[in-house]
Amino acid sequence: MEFAKGTRETAIQDKSFLFAIRIVKLYQYLCNEKKEYVLSKQLLRSGTSIGANVSEAERAQSPADFYSKMSISLKEASETYYWLRLLHATDYLANNEFYSMEADAKELLALLTTICKTAQQNSEK
């Protein structure tokens, strides 16, 4: 069963996958160039989890299950944004590196917020 599958959901699948690729590359950079292993590991986990949960939502068993998976994606996106801000504030990420990732993170947060609001309304019907 597929629920609330429209252009936003297709966009979120693509954007979350591409964001995960950027997160993996950023993790590699932080480990190899900056020798930062703790914060970057947290970033890797939350940043790749966004797309994994979006992917699970694609095969949701009910509207409530879809909402649940998308809500988890939203939480992971929020956590990822936190780690990006912390890495920037502690000088592991330069301004240009941070602002590029921040723009993508904010876009994901906005899309997921909209999807979750719509999915919640649909699951309550």
Protein backbone atom coordinates (compact mmCIF):
# COMPACT_ATOMS: atom_id res chain seq x y z
CA MET A 1 0.00 0.00 0.00
CA GLU A 2 1.19 3.51 -0.72
CA PHE A 3 -0.13 6.55 1.07
CA ALA A 4 -0.08 10.24 0.19
CA LYS A 5 2.33 9.56 -2.64
CA GLY A 6 2.64 12.76 -4.60
CA THR A 7 5.34 15.01 -5.91
CA ARG A 8 6.44 16.02 -2.41
CA GLU A 9 7.07 12.40 -1.49
CA THR A 10 9.03 11.75 -4.67
CA ALA A 11 11.03 14.92 -4.02
CA ILE A 12 11.74 13.90 -0.42
CA GLN A 13 12.96 10.47 -1.54
CA ASP A 14 15.38 11.99 -4.03
CA LYS A 15 16.50 14.84 -1.79
CA SER A 16 17.01 12.65 1.27
CA PHE A 17 19.09 10.16 -0.75
CA LEU A 18 21.26 12.91 -2.25
CA PHE A 19 21.61 14.48 1.19
CA ALA A 20 22.75 11.12 2.61
CA ILE A 21 25.46 10.96 -0.05
CA ARG A 22 26.65 14.43 0.95
CA ILE A 23 26.61 13.41 4.62
CA VAL A 24 28.74 10.32 3.90
CA LYS A 25 31.24 12.45 1.98
CA LEU A 26 31.27 15.05 4.75
CA TYR A 27 31.86 12.29 7.31
CA GLN A 28 34.82 11.02 5.27
CA TYR A 29 36.22 14.55 5.03
CA LEU A 30 35.82 15.18 8.77
CA CYS A 31 37.54 11.91 9.64
CA ASN A 32 40.33 12.10 7.07
CA GLU A 33 41.10 15.83 7.03
CA LYS A 34 39.96 17.13 10.41
CA LYS A 35 40.55 13.95 12.45
CA GLU A 36 37.13 14.42 14.04
CA TYR A 37 35.43 11.12 14.84
CA VAL A 38 32.81 11.63 17.56
CA LEU A 39 30.54 14.41 16.27
CA SER A 40 30.94 13.27 12.68
CA LYS A 41 29.73 9.76 13.59
CA GLN A 42 26.58 11.26 15.11
CA LEU A 43 26.11 13.33 11.96
CA LEU A 44 26.54 10.22 9.81
CA ARG A 45 23.95 8.25 11.77
CA SER A 46 21.26 10.91 11.82
CA GLY A 47 21.95 12.25 8.32
CA THR A 48 21.65 8.86 6.64
CA SER A 49 18.69 7.84 8.78
CA ILE A 50 16.50 10.52 7.19
CA GLY A 51 16.39 8.76 3.83
CA ALA A 52 16.21 5.30 5.38
CA ASN A 53 13.01 6.23 7.20
CA VAL A 54 11.58 7.96 4.14
CA SER A 55 12.24 4.72 2.29
CA GLU A 56 10.44 2.73 4.99
CA ALA A 57 7.48 5.13 4.79
CA GLU A 58 7.23 4.30 1.10
CA ARG A 59 6.07 0.81 2.11
CA ALA A 60 3.91 1.88 5.04
CA GLN A 61 1.15 -0.50 6.10
CA SER A 62 -1.28 2.27 7.00
CA PRO A 63 -1.60 6.05 7.00
CA ALA A 64 -0.58 6.04 10.68
CA ASP A 65 2.54 3.98 9.86
CA PHE A 66 3.41 6.41 7.04
CA TYR A 67 3.05 9.33 9.45
CA SER A 68 5.18 7.58 12.05
CA LYS A 69 8.06 6.91 9.63
CA MET A 70 7.96 10.43 8.24
CA SER A 71 7.92 11.84 11.77
CA ILE A 72 11.05 9.86 12.56
CA SER A 73 12.63 11.29 9.39
CA LEU A 74 11.74 14.79 10.56
CA LYS A 75 13.31 14.15 13.97
CA GLU A 76 16.46 12.81 12.33
CA ALA A 77 16.64 15.86 10.05
CA SER A 78 16.35 18.12 13.07
CA GLU A 79 19.12 16.20 14.84
CA THR A 80 21.31 16.37 11.74
CA TYR A 81 20.85 20.12 11.60
CA TYR A 82 21.95 20.30 15.24
CA TRP A 83 25.17 18.36 14.52
CA LEU A 84 25.92 20.55 11.50
CA ARG A 85 25.51 23.67 13.63
CA LEU A 86 27.73 22.23 16.35
CA LEU A 87 30.44 21.24 13.87
CA HIS A 88 30.33 24.75 12.44
CA ALA A 89 30.39 26.43 15.86
CA THR A 90 33.44 24.37 16.87
CA ASP A 91 35.28 25.25 13.65
CA TYR A 92 35.24 21.79 12.09
CA LEU A 93 33.16 23.19 9.23
CA ALA A 94 34.07 26.40 7.43
CA ASN A 95 31.32 28.86 6.57
CA ASN A 96 30.99 27.75 2.93
CA GLU A 97 30.86 24.05 3.91
CA PHE A 98 28.28 24.70 6.59
CA TYR A 99 26.02 27.03 4.60
CA SER A 100 25.83 24.60 1.71
CA MET A 101 24.80 21.72 3.98
CA GLU A 102 22.53 23.98 6.03
CA ALA A 103 20.53 24.95 2.95
CA ASP A 104 19.88 21.29 2.12
CA ALA A 105 19.06 20.45 5.74
CA LYS A 106 16.56 23.31 5.98
CA GLU A 107 14.95 22.26 2.71
CA LEU A 108 14.52 18.71 4.02
CA LEU A 109 13.11 20.02 7.29
CA ALA A 110 10.56 22.15 5.43
CA LEU A 111 9.50 19.29 3.13
CA LEU A 112 9.24 16.79 5.97
CA THR A 113 7.27 19.24 8.13
CA THR A 114 4.73 19.72 5.34
CA ILE A 115 4.52 15.98 4.64
CA CYS A 116 4.05 15.19 8.34
CA LYS A 117 1.30 17.77 8.76
CA THR A 118 -0.57 16.37 5.75
CA ALA A 119 0.02 12.76 6.80
CA GLN A 120 -1.18 13.46 10.32
CA GLN A 121 -4.38 14.96 9.00
CA ASN A 122 -4.86 11.94 6.69
CA SER A 123 -4.17 9.41 9.46
CA GLU A 124 -6.77 11.05 11.70
CA LYS A 125 -9.54 10.61 9.11
